[in-house]
């Protein structure tokens, strides 16, 4: 992947962080068709998500060549991977530029035949994009679309989960060391405040996602965390504040949306402003208190019990399966079903034991990419793509490596899964031996997960086990890909230099030497 910007209008010497972020936004905007081609803008932890009027106006290769862009993913929206931190700073600048140029800026023209012929890395990226498009069509089932909408409820909560999770970890460290005893209660309050009210935020986002009034969804979900529910008896037992947690809040807000929509159709317009909100909160609140809280509480408890027993009795095997299958789950869109489960586990015990195991899939992906880099010494283009994507891969952002390298090659994607399975088995084994730990937040992976680790053992032991899992994933992913990731024909097709020129990589043999293979490289078919 090139590291030079292709838009000549991009500022080259930003003098402040704001200038740099605005320059990145200004470079991206014309390459996605200009302001009039953008219909909506949002961002998650790592990606700028935009909806487009005309997909053909996007200049994919030029966009991927921007230094700040780690990759692109096409799903229900066009997603530009900028990385954690950067995306939160670039998005407001991008929104401002779109707003400023909405009426004035002409649409960008699509690439013409004069564009350079894509080299091997570009061809692989094109294959990856084609695979994503095909998978997107297969994923457009009612069940998977529902999972995506549920994920949209929880993704906006991730920044707060991360911030509070890191503060909770810092507070635990201070408690163990006996340092700053006067500060510990304050940090505990800061770390726990959001989690004590997370049900309200889930209710708000649920109503917003499913077309209701967000504040009504939040109002109904707030019943779950209200201390006064302890005076209410349902199903023969007294309710507990927080019983049902995020699952109860999700169900309560969905019910509120349904009741509100029915009221909008039945209540006369003159009375709507008084009657609809009242009936929405009253009916949904009563059903929540005398039904949903108890049922969701039982479901939440079952999830926690199952996760604990799964890893305590069959940790190594469970880790192998979870770590090995997570990348295919991502491809099928089924990983989104895990988000409410992670959140429920964090709400119950302060951490999710599943995330460190699932993070091993990214370690296997990194190991596989390193093996591809070593096995194709003459392919400068693909090696450059891998080098540019590896830093993000180590931090758990795997899209550039998956869609630009391993998936279109086929076999390296499978061997990456083998590496993830090995790392997952390593972490799962220690859970089985009684050293259980998890992550206090969802979202980060790879090295970025270290500050969020929490468990019952010494923090040093927890960190060492997680690091051992990553190293196992790297090593097994590398070895499996190096020895089993290529057929002879794939090596013949790929181990060439599609763009002979000055040798800027000291590790790459000079294509002019007698043993170099000349001629354009072709992207192999999946095997």
Protein backbone atom coordinates (compact mmCIF):
# COMPACT_ATOMS: atom_id res chain seq x y z
CA UNK A 1 0.00 0.00 0.00
CA UNK A 2 1.39 3.34 -0.97
CA UNK A 3 2.12 5.75 1.83
CA UNK A 4 1.91 8.94 -0.22
CA UNK A 5 -1.31 10.97 -0.55
CA UNK A 6 -2.74 11.06 -4.03
CA UNK A 7 -4.79 14.23 -3.68
CA UNK A 8 -2.60 17.18 -4.62
CA UNK A 9 -4.84 19.57 -2.71
CA UNK A 10 -4.16 17.91 0.63
CA UNK A 11 -2.20 20.12 3.02
CA UNK A 12 1.23 18.62 3.48
CA UNK A 13 2.39 20.48 6.59
CA UNK A 14 -0.41 20.70 9.16
CA UNK A 15 0.80 22.77 12.08
CA UNK A 16 -1.66 21.65 14.77
CA UNK A 17 -3.55 18.42 15.54
CA UNK A 18 -6.73 20.10 14.28
CA UNK A 19 -5.00 21.01 11.01
CA UNK A 20 -3.83 17.40 10.64
CA UNK A 21 -7.29 15.96 11.24
CA UNK A 22 -8.90 18.47 8.91
CA UNK A 23 -6.30 17.66 6.27
CA UNK A 24 -7.16 13.97 6.55
CA UNK A 25 -10.87 14.76 6.23
CA UNK A 26 -10.19 17.05 3.27
CA UNK A 27 -8.20 14.29 1.55
CA UNK A 28 -10.94 11.71 2.08
CA UNK A 29 -13.92 13.82 1.00
CA UNK A 30 -13.23 14.15 -2.76
CA UNK A 31 -12.29 10.46 -2.95
CA UNK A 32 -15.75 9.40 -1.73
CA UNK A 33 -17.51 11.54 -4.33
CA UNK A 34 -17.61 14.92 -2.61
CA UNK A 35 -20.08 16.35 -0.09
CA UNK A 36 -23.16 15.86 -2.27
CA UNK A 37 -22.45 12.12 -2.45
CA UNK A 38 -22.50 11.68 1.35
CA UNK A 39 -25.93 11.11 2.89
CA UNK A 40 -25.01 10.23 6.48
CA UNK A 41 -21.91 10.19 8.70
CA UNK A 42 -21.14 8.22 11.85
CA UNK A 43 -18.18 6.53 13.46
CA UNK A 44 -17.48 3.59 15.73
CA UNK A 45 -14.27 2.85 17.59
CA UNK A 46 -12.02 2.59 14.54
CA UNK A 47 -14.07 3.39 11.43
CA UNK A 48 -15.61 6.41 9.75
CA UNK A 49 -18.96 5.12 8.47
CA UNK A 50 -20.63 6.97 5.61
CA UNK A 51 -23.68 6.30 3.47
CA UNK A 52 -23.29 7.15 -0.21
CA UNK A 53 -25.67 8.17 -2.98
CA UNK A 54 -23.51 6.74 -5.75
CA UNK A 55 -21.02 4.04 -4.85
CA UNK A 56 -19.33 4.29 -8.27
CA UNK A 57 -17.95 7.74 -7.41
CA UNK A 58 -15.66 6.32 -4.72
CA UNK A 59 -11.99 6.07 -5.70
CA UNK A 60 -11.07 3.02 -3.65
CA UNK A 61 -7.40 2.67 -4.56
CA UNK A 62 -6.66 6.36 -4.06
CA UNK A 63 -8.50 6.26 -0.74
CA UNK A 64 -6.51 3.26 0.49
CA UNK A 65 -3.30 5.06 -0.51
CA UNK A 66 -3.87 7.90 1.99
CA UNK A 67 -1.42 7.70 4.91
CA UNK A 68 -4.15 7.97 7.55
CA UNK A 69 -6.35 5.26 6.01
CA UNK A 70 -5.69 1.75 7.34
CA UNK A 71 -8.20 0.10 5.04
CA UNK A 72 -11.80 0.16 3.87
CA UNK A 73 -14.71 -2.16 4.59
CA UNK A 74 -17.98 -2.18 2.65
CA UNK A 75 -21.04 -3.29 4.56
CA UNK A 76 -24.38 -1.56 5.03
CA UNK A 77 -22.29 1.65 5.01
CA UNK A 78 -18.92 2.48 3.44
CA UNK A 79 -16.43 2.21 6.30
CA UNK A 80 -12.99 3.84 6.30
CA UNK A 81 -10.65 2.39 8.92
CA UNK A 82 -8.74 5.22 10.62
CA UNK A 83 -7.91 3.57 13.92
CA UNK A 84 -8.89 4.29 17.54
CA UNK A 85 -8.52 7.91 18.58
CA UNK A 86 -7.96 9.19 15.06
CA UNK A 87 -11.50 8.43 13.91
CA UNK A 88 -13.05 10.42 16.77
CA UNK A 89 -10.99 13.46 15.75
CA UNK A 90 -11.34 13.19 11.99
CA UNK A 91 -15.12 12.60 11.96
CA UNK A 92 -16.14 16.08 13.24
CA UNK A 93 -13.82 17.69 10.69
CA UNK A 94 -15.28 15.51 7.95
CA UNK A 95 -18.82 16.44 9.01
CA UNK A 96 -17.90 20.13 8.95
CA UNK A 97 -16.41 19.89 5.46
CA UNK A 98 -19.46 18.04 4.15
CA UNK A 99 -21.75 20.65 5.63
CA UNK A 100 -19.67 23.50 4.18
CA UNK A 101 -19.52 22.00 0.72
CA UNK A 102 -22.95 20.34 0.53
CA UNK A 103 -24.35 22.79 -1.98
CA UNK A 104 -21.24 24.07 -3.68
CA UNK A 105 -18.95 21.11 -4.27
CA UNK A 106 -19.51 19.24 -7.56
CA UNK A 107 -19.53 15.45 -7.43
CA UNK A 108 -16.21 13.82 -8.04
CA UNK A 109 -15.80 11.85 -11.25
CA UNK A 110 -15.07 8.16 -11.12
CA UNK A 111 -11.62 6.88 -12.05
CA UNK A 112 -11.03 6.68 -15.77
CA UNK A 113 -9.21 4.22 -17.93
CA UNK A 114 -6.14 6.41 -17.54
CA UNK A 115 -5.78 5.26 -13.94
CA UNK A 116 -2.72 3.10 -13.37
CA UNK A 117 -3.23 -0.62 -13.76
CA UNK A 118 -3.49 -2.13 -10.28
CA UNK A 119 -0.47 -4.05 -9.09
CA UNK A 120 -0.66 -7.31 -7.20
CA UNK A 121 -1.62 -5.78 -3.85
CA UNK A 122 -4.36 -3.81 -5.58
CA UNK A 123 -5.64 -6.91 -7.32
CA UNK A 124 -5.78 -8.73 -4.02
CA UNK A 125 -7.61 -5.80 -2.45
CA UNK A 126 -10.07 -5.91 -5.35
CA UNK A 127 -10.63 -9.60 -4.71
CA UNK A 128 -11.15 -8.85 -1.04
CA UNK A 129 -13.69 -6.15 -1.91
CA UNK A 130 -15.49 -8.57 -4.22
CA UNK A 131 -15.62 -11.18 -1.47
CA UNK A 132 -16.95 -8.60 0.98
CA UNK A 133 -19.66 -7.57 -1.47
CA UNK A 134 -20.70 -11.17 -2.00
CA UNK A 135 -20.69 -11.81 1.74
CA UNK A 136 -22.69 -8.64 2.30
CA UNK A 137 -25.40 -9.95 0.00
CA UNK A 138 -25.45 -13.28 1.84
CA UNK A 139 -25.57 -11.47 5.18
CA UNK A 140 -28.67 -9.47 4.26
CA UNK A 141 -31.00 -11.92 6.01
CA UNK A 142 -33.59 -10.73 8.54
CA UNK A 143 -31.73 -12.45 11.39
CA UNK A 144 -28.35 -10.92 10.52
CA UNK A 145 -29.86 -7.51 9.87
CA UNK A 146 -31.42 -7.71 13.34
CA UNK A 147 -28.01 -8.58 14.82
CA UNK A 148 -26.54 -5.57 13.05
CA UNK A 149 -29.19 -3.30 14.54
CA UNK A 150 -28.53 -4.69 18.01
CA UNK A 151 -24.81 -4.04 17.47
CA UNK A 152 -25.68 -0.44 16.56
CA UNK A 153 -27.19 -0.09 20.02
CA UNK A 154 -24.04 -1.12 21.86
CA UNK A 155 -21.24 0.23 19.64
CA UNK A 156 -21.77 3.89 20.75
CA UNK A 157 -21.24 2.74 24.34
CA UNK A 158 -17.74 1.37 23.70
CA UNK A 159 -15.77 4.60 24.36
CA UNK A 160 -17.32 4.91 27.82
CA UNK A 161 -16.74 1.21 28.52
CA UNK A 162 -13.08 1.60 27.58
CA UNK A 163 -12.53 4.75 29.63
CA UNK A 164 -14.28 3.40 32.72
CA UNK A 165 -12.58 0.01 32.28
CA UNK A 166 -9.10 1.50 32.27
CA UNK A 167 -9.92 3.64 35.31
CA UNK A 168 -11.23 0.54 37.10
CA UNK A 169 -7.99 -1.28 36.30
CA UNK A 170 -5.93 1.64 37.58
CA UNK A 171 -8.03 1.73 40.73
CA UNK A 172 -7.50 -1.98 41.31
CA UNK A 173 -3.75 -1.53 40.91
CA UNK A 174 -3.69 1.28 43.46
CA UNK A 175 -5.71 -0.84 45.90
CA UNK A 176 -3.34 -3.81 45.55
CA UNK A 177 -0.30 -1.60 46.08
CA UNK A 178 -1.86 0.38 48.90
CA UNK A 179 -1.10 3.68 47.18
CA UNK A 180 -3.17 6.88 47.35
CA UNK A 181 -5.92 5.50 49.60
CA UNK A 182 -7.75 8.82 49.53
CA UNK A 183 -8.05 8.67 45.73
CA UNK A 184 -9.28 5.06 45.48
CA UNK A 185 -12.94 5.80 46.41
CA UNK A 186 -13.06 8.64 43.89
CA UNK A 187 -11.71 6.43 41.11
CA UNK A 188 -14.19 3.70 42.07
CA UNK A 189 -17.06 6.17 41.73
CA UNK A 190 -15.81 7.40 38.37
CA UNK A 191 -15.34 3.87 37.04
CA UNK A 192 -18.66 2.55 38.34
CA UNK A 193 -20.98 5.47 37.59
CA UNK A 194 -21.48 4.63 33.93
CA UNK A 195 -21.93 0.91 34.55
CA UNK A 196 -24.58 1.59 37.20
CA UNK A 197 -26.66 3.43 34.59
CA UNK A 198 -25.73 1.53 31.44
CA UNK A 199 -29.27 0.18 31.19
CA UNK A 200 -30.55 3.74 30.63
CA UNK A 201 -28.14 4.29 27.74
CA UNK A 202 -29.08 0.93 26.20
CA UNK A 203 -32.75 1.85 26.40
CA UNK A 204 -32.12 5.25 24.84
CA UNK A 205 -30.11 3.79 21.94
CA UNK A 206 -32.61 0.97 21.40
CA UNK A 207 -35.52 3.34 20.95
CA UNK A 208 -33.41 5.50 18.64
CA UNK A 209 -32.33 2.53 16.51
CA UNK A 210 -35.85 1.09 16.13
CA UNK A 211 -37.65 4.33 15.36
CA UNK A 212 -39.09 5.33 18.73
CA UNK A 213 -38.53 8.40 20.89
CA UNK A 214 -35.09 7.86 22.49
CA UNK A 215 -35.88 9.57 25.78
CA UNK A 216 -38.93 7.34 26.29
CA UNK A 217 -36.78 4.26 25.78
CA UNK A 218 -34.35 5.61 28.35
CA UNK A 219 -37.16 6.43 30.77
CA UNK A 220 -38.54 2.89 30.68
CA UNK A 221 -35.06 1.33 30.99
CA UNK A 222 -34.34 3.60 34.00
CA UNK A 223 -36.95 1.66 35.95
CA UNK A 224 -34.56 -1.31 36.03
CA UNK A 225 -31.86 0.56 37.95
CA UNK A 226 -34.20 2.54 40.24
CA UNK A 227 -33.53 1.52 43.90
CA UNK A 228 -37.26 1.54 44.69
CA UNK A 229 -37.89 -1.64 42.69
CA UNK A 230 -36.62 -3.57 45.74
CA UNK A 231 -40.09 -3.05 47.26
CA UNK A 232 -41.82 -4.84 44.37
CA UNK A 233 -42.50 -8.58 44.21
CA UNK A 234 -42.71 -10.45 40.88
CA UNK A 235 -42.92 -14.21 40.35
CA UNK A 236 -42.88 -14.68 44.11
CA UNK A 237 -39.53 -12.92 44.68
CA UNK A 238 -38.51 -9.38 45.46
CA UNK A 239 -36.89 -7.55 42.58
CA UNK A 240 -33.34 -6.23 42.82
CA UNK A 241 -32.18 -2.88 41.39
CA UNK A 242 -30.40 -3.67 38.12
CA UNK A 243 -32.01 -7.11 37.76
CA UNK A 244 -32.12 -8.01 34.08
CA UNK A 245 -29.40 -5.50 33.23
CA UNK A 246 -28.80 -4.59 29.62
CA UNK A 247 -30.94 -7.46 28.32
CA UNK A 248 -33.90 -6.22 30.34
CA UNK A 249 -33.28 -2.66 29.16
CA UNK A 250 -33.14 -3.84 25.55
CA UNK A 251 -36.43 -5.73 25.87
CA UNK A 252 -38.12 -2.90 27.77
CA UNK A 253 -37.15 -0.28 25.20
CA UNK A 254 -38.27 -2.51 22.30
CA UNK A 255 -41.63 -2.85 24.00
CA UNK A 256 -41.77 0.92 24.51
CA UNK A 257 -41.14 1.48 20.79
CA UNK A 258 -43.96 -0.91 19.91
CA UNK A 259 -46.40 0.73 22.34
CA UNK A 260 -45.46 4.22 21.18
CA UNK A 261 -45.99 3.39 17.51
CA UNK A 262 -49.38 1.85 18.25
CA UNK A 263 -50.39 4.92 20.23
CA UNK A 264 -49.29 7.24 17.41
CA UNK A 265 -51.72 5.44 15.10
CA UNK A 266 -54.65 5.24 17.50
CA UNK A 267 -54.52 8.41 19.63
CA UNK A 268 -56.06 11.58 18.11
CA UNK A 269 -53.44 14.11 17.08
CA UNK A 270 -54.74 16.73 19.50
CA UNK A 271 -54.12 14.40 22.45
CA UNK A 272 -50.96 12.74 21.19
CA UNK A 273 -48.51 14.93 23.10
CA UNK A 274 -50.13 14.00 26.43
CA UNK A 275 -51.48 10.50 25.93
CA UNK A 276 -48.76 8.76 23.91
CA UNK A 277 -45.80 9.33 26.24
CA UNK A 278 -47.93 8.54 29.28
CA UNK A 279 -49.24 5.24 27.92
CA UNK A 280 -45.81 4.31 26.55
CA UNK A 281 -44.07 4.68 29.90
CA UNK A 282 -46.99 3.26 31.94
CA UNK A 283 -47.66 0.11 29.90
CA UNK A 284 -44.00 -0.66 29.17
CA UNK A 285 -43.05 0.09 32.78
CA UNK A 286 -45.62 -2.27 34.25
CA UNK A 287 -44.63 -5.09 31.88
CA UNK A 288 -40.98 -4.47 32.71
CA UNK A 289 -41.55 -4.62 36.47
CA UNK A 290 -43.84 -7.63 36.52
CA UNK A 291 -42.27 -9.67 33.75
CA UNK A 292 -39.23 -8.51 31.82
CA UNK A 293 -36.94 -7.80 34.78
CA UNK A 294 -37.36 -11.29 36.19
CA UNK A 295 -37.06 -13.07 32.83
CA UNK A 296 -34.07 -11.00 31.68
CA UNK A 297 -32.42 -11.53 35.07
CA UNK A 298 -32.71 -15.30 34.65
CA UNK A 299 -31.29 -15.07 31.12
CA UNK A 300 -28.38 -12.90 32.29
CA UNK A 301 -27.56 -15.29 35.12
CA UNK A 302 -27.64 -18.22 32.70
CA UNK A 303 -25.18 -16.46 30.37
CA UNK A 304 -22.74 -15.83 33.20
CA UNK A 305 -23.02 -19.37 34.53
CA UNK A 306 -22.55 -20.88 31.07
CA UNK A 307 -19.45 -18.78 30.32
CA UNK A 308 -17.85 -19.66 33.66
CA UNK A 309 -18.57 -23.38 33.36
CA UNK A 310 -17.52 -23.48 29.71
CA UNK A 311 -14.03 -22.20 30.50
CA UNK A 312 -13.59 -23.83 33.90
CA UNK A 313 -14.41 -27.34 32.65
CA UNK A 314 -13.34 -27.29 29.01
CA UNK A 315 -11.25 -24.16 28.73
CA UNK A 316 -8.57 -25.41 26.35
CA UNK A 317 -11.04 -26.96 23.89
CA UNK A 318 -13.48 -24.05 24.21
CA UNK A 319 -10.64 -21.59 23.61
CA UNK A 320 -9.50 -23.54 20.56
CA UNK A 321 -13.00 -23.48 19.05
CA UNK A 322 -13.71 -19.84 19.89
CA UNK A 323 -10.31 -18.57 18.77
CA UNK A 324 -10.40 -20.62 15.57
CA UNK A 325 -13.93 -19.73 14.51
CA UNK A 326 -14.00 -16.04 15.35
CA UNK A 327 -12.71 -14.81 11.96
CA UNK A 328 -15.34 -16.89 10.08
CA UNK A 329 -17.98 -15.56 12.49
CA UNK A 330 -16.90 -12.04 11.53
CA UNK A 331 -17.20 -12.96 7.85
CA UNK A 332 -20.73 -14.28 8.43
CA UNK A 333 -21.74 -11.26 10.52
CA UNK A 334 -22.58 -13.49 13.50
CA UNK A 335 -19.98 -11.92 15.80
CA UNK A 336 -22.44 -9.10 16.46
CA UNK A 337 -24.52 -11.49 18.55
CA UNK A 338 -21.66 -11.55 21.08
CA UNK A 339 -21.83 -7.83 21.87
CA UNK A 340 -24.80 -8.03 24.28
CA UNK A 341 -23.21 -11.14 25.83
CA UNK A 342 -19.92 -9.29 26.43
CA UNK A 343 -21.81 -6.35 27.94
CA UNK A 344 -23.85 -8.61 30.18
CA UNK A 345 -20.72 -10.34 31.49
CA UNK A 346 -19.04 -6.98 32.16
CA UNK A 347 -22.14 -5.80 34.00
CA UNK A 348 -22.23 -8.95 36.15
CA UNK A 349 -18.58 -9.56 37.03
CA UNK A 350 -16.71 -6.48 35.84
CA UNK A 351 -15.12 -8.20 32.83
CA UNK A 352 -15.89 -10.48 29.90
CA UNK A 353 -13.86 -13.70 29.92
CA UNK A 354 -14.59 -14.33 26.25
CA UNK A 355 -12.85 -11.31 24.71
CA UNK A 356 -9.19 -12.23 25.48
CA UNK A 357 -9.80 -15.61 23.82
CA UNK A 358 -11.50 -14.12 20.77
CA UNK A 359 -8.65 -11.61 20.47
CA UNK A 360 -6.34 -14.49 19.62
CA UNK A 361 -7.91 -14.60 16.15
CA UNK A 362 -6.16 -11.30 15.43
CA UNK A 363 -2.85 -12.76 16.62
CA UNK A 364 -3.19 -15.63 14.18
CA UNK A 365 -3.90 -13.10 11.44
CA UNK A 366 -0.72 -11.15 12.23
CA UNK A 367 1.36 -14.34 12.21
CA UNK A 368 -0.09 -15.35 8.86
CA UNK A 369 0.67 -11.94 7.36
CA UNK A 370 4.28 -12.14 8.54
CA UNK A 371 4.61 -15.53 6.86
CA UNK A 372 3.20 -14.16 3.60
CA UNK A 373 5.76 -11.36 3.82
CA UNK A 374 8.58 -13.91 4.19
CA UNK A 375 7.34 -16.31 1.52
CA UNK A 376 7.02 -13.65 -1.18
CA UNK A 377 10.40 -11.85 -1.07
CA UNK A 378 10.11 -10.49 -4.62
CA UNK A 379 6.59 -9.10 -4.36
CA UNK A 380 7.35 -5.55 -3.22
CA UNK A 381 3.76 -4.37 -3.57
CA UNK A 382 2.22 -6.99 -1.31
CA UNK A 383 5.08 -6.72 1.19
CA UNK A 384 4.53 -2.96 1.37
CA UNK A 385 0.83 -3.54 2.01
CA UNK A 386 1.64 -5.95 4.84
CA UNK A 387 4.21 -3.59 6.39
CA UNK A 388 1.75 -0.70 6.40
CA UNK A 389 -1.03 -2.80 7.92
CA UNK A 390 0.97 -4.68 10.57
CA UNK A 391 1.07 -1.87 13.18
CA UNK A 392 -2.72 -1.74 13.11
CA UNK A 393 -2.84 -5.53 13.22
CA UNK A 394 -0.75 -5.64 16.39
CA UNK A 395 -3.27 -3.23 17.94
CA UNK A 396 -6.16 -5.50 17.01
CA UNK A 397 -7.36 -3.75 13.84
CA UNK A 398 -7.35 -6.65 11.42
CA UNK A 399 -9.42 -5.45 8.46
CA UNK A 400 -6.49 -4.27 6.29
CA UNK A 401 -4.72 -7.63 6.66
CA UNK A 402 -7.86 -9.71 6.30
CA UNK A 403 -9.35 -8.03 3.25
CA UNK A 404 -6.08 -6.96 1.65
CA UNK A 405 -4.00 -10.10 2.18
CA UNK A 406 -5.25 -13.31 3.76
CA UNK A 407 -8.87 -13.60 2.62
CA UNK A 408 -8.28 -13.04 -1.11
CA UNK A 409 -5.33 -15.46 -0.97
CA UNK A 410 -7.56 -18.11 0.60
CA UNK A 411 -5.19 -20.52 2.30
CA UNK A 412 -3.55 -17.89 4.56
CA UNK A 413 -7.01 -17.06 5.90
CA UNK A 414 -7.45 -20.68 6.99
CA UNK A 415 -3.98 -20.87 8.53
CA UNK A 416 -4.63 -17.57 10.33
CA UNK A 417 -7.64 -19.29 11.92
CA UNK A 418 -5.31 -22.12 13.00
CA UNK A 419 -3.11 -19.57 14.76
CA UNK A 420 -6.15 -18.03 16.46
CA UNK A 421 -7.25 -21.49 17.62
CA UNK A 422 -3.83 -22.17 19.16
CA UNK A 423 -3.78 -18.84 21.00
CA UNK A 424 -7.35 -19.36 22.20
CA UNK A 425 -6.48 -22.84 23.49
CA UNK A 426 -3.50 -21.38 25.40
CA UNK A 427 -5.62 -18.76 27.18
CA UNK A 428 -8.50 -21.19 27.70
CA UNK A 429 -6.19 -23.74 29.32
CA UNK A 430 -5.24 -21.31 32.07
CA UNK A 431 -8.91 -20.51 32.64
CA UNK A 432 -9.42 -24.25 33.08
CA UNK A 433 -6.56 -24.31 35.59
CA UNK A 434 -8.26 -21.62 37.67
CA UNK A 435 -6.51 -18.48 36.42
CA UNK A 436 -9.57 -16.74 35.01
CA UNK A 437 -9.43 -13.22 33.62
CA UNK A 438 -11.20 -11.04 31.09
CA UNK A 439 -11.49 -7.57 29.63
CA UNK A 440 -13.26 -4.73 31.39
CA UNK A 441 -14.43 -3.30 28.06
CA UNK A 442 -15.19 -4.40 24.52
CA UNK A 443 -13.70 -2.96 21.35
CA UNK A 444 -9.91 -3.07 21.77
CA UNK A 445 -7.94 -6.16 20.91
CA UNK A 446 -4.32 -7.19 20.41
CA UNK A 447 -1.84 -5.12 22.39
CA UNK A 448 -4.52 -2.50 23.05
CA UNK A 449 -6.25 -4.96 25.40
CA UNK A 450 -3.44 -5.02 27.97
CA UNK A 451 -4.69 -1.99 29.99
CA UNK A 452 -8.17 -3.53 30.19
CA UNK A 453 -7.24 -6.96 31.57
CA UNK A 454 -8.77 -7.90 34.92
CA UNK A 455 -8.98 -11.17 36.81
CA UNK A 456 -8.77 -13.02 40.08
CA UNK A 457 -5.00 -13.57 39.96
CA UNK A 458 -2.01 -11.28 40.26
CA UNK A 459 -2.07 -8.64 37.47
CA UNK A 460 1.42 -9.70 36.37
CA UNK A 461 0.25 -13.30 35.91
CA UNK A 462 -2.79 -12.13 33.94
CA UNK A 463 -0.65 -10.00 31.63
CA UNK A 464 1.86 -12.83 31.17
CA UNK A 465 -0.83 -15.34 30.18
CA UNK A 466 -2.44 -12.97 27.70
CA UNK A 467 0.97 -12.13 26.22
CA UNK A 468 1.71 -15.85 25.98
CA UNK A 469 -1.54 -16.36 24.09
CA UNK A 470 -0.62 -13.61 21.63
CA UNK A 471 2.84 -15.07 21.07
CA UNK A 472 1.32 -18.53 20.54
CA UNK A 473 -1.10 -17.10 17.99
CA UNK A 474 1.68 -15.24 16.19
CA UNK A 475 3.95 -18.29 16.10
CA UNK A 476 1.39 -20.90 15.07
CA UNK A 477 -0.18 -18.56 12.50
CA UNK A 478 3.27 -17.92 11.04
CA UNK A 479 4.36 -21.57 10.94
CA UNK A 480 1.04 -22.85 9.58
CA UNK A 481 1.02 -20.22 6.82
CA UNK A 482 4.71 -20.58 5.97
CA UNK A 483 4.46 -24.33 5.42
CA UNK A 484 0.81 -24.84 4.41
CA UNK A 485 -0.44 -21.44 3.24
CA UNK A 486 0.65 -21.67 -0.39
CA UNK A 487 0.48 -24.09 -3.27
CA UNK A 488 3.31 -24.22 -5.77
CA UNK A 489 1.19 -22.41 -8.34
CA UNK A 490 0.39 -19.64 -5.87
CA UNK A 491 4.09 -19.08 -5.21
CA UNK A 492 4.77 -18.98 -8.95
CA UNK A 493 2.02 -16.43 -9.54
CA UNK A 494 2.72 -14.25 -6.53
CA UNK A 495 6.48 -14.31 -5.96
CA UNK A 496 7.19 -11.75 -8.68
CA UNK A 497 7.77 -8.02 -8.78
CA UNK A 498 4.81 -6.49 -10.67
CA UNK A 499 6.39 -3.03 -10.62
CA UNK A 500 10.15 -3.24 -11.26
CA UNK A 501 12.03 -0.15 -10.19
CA UNK A 502 14.65 1.08 -7.74
CA UNK A 503 15.05 -1.35 -4.89
CA UNK A 504 13.98 0.55 -1.80
CA UNK A 505 13.52 -2.53 0.37
CA UNK A 506 16.86 -4.05 1.43
CA UNK A 507 15.08 -7.32 2.24
CA UNK A 508 13.73 -7.66 -1.31
CA UNK A 509 15.92 -9.26 -3.99
CA UNK A 510 16.68 -7.05 -6.97
CA UNK A 511 14.32 -8.03 -9.83
CA UNK A 512 17.18 -7.56 -12.29
CA UNK A 513 19.12 -10.47 -10.82
CA UNK A 514 19.12 -13.67 -12.89
CA UNK A 515 16.92 -15.61 -10.49
CA UNK A 516 14.19 -13.00 -10.38
CA UNK A 517 10.93 -13.75 -12.17
CA UNK A 518 9.73 -10.92 -14.36
CA UNK A 519 6.32 -10.10 -15.74
CA UNK A 520 3.05 -8.97 -14.20
CA UNK A 521 1.76 -10.93 -11.26
CA UNK A 522 -1.71 -12.33 -11.18
CA UNK A 523 -3.89 -12.70 -8.13
CA UNK A 524 -4.57 -16.41 -7.70
CA UNK A 525 -7.97 -17.93 -7.41
CA UNK A 526 -9.04 -18.97 -3.94
CA UNK A 527 -7.96 -22.48 -3.06
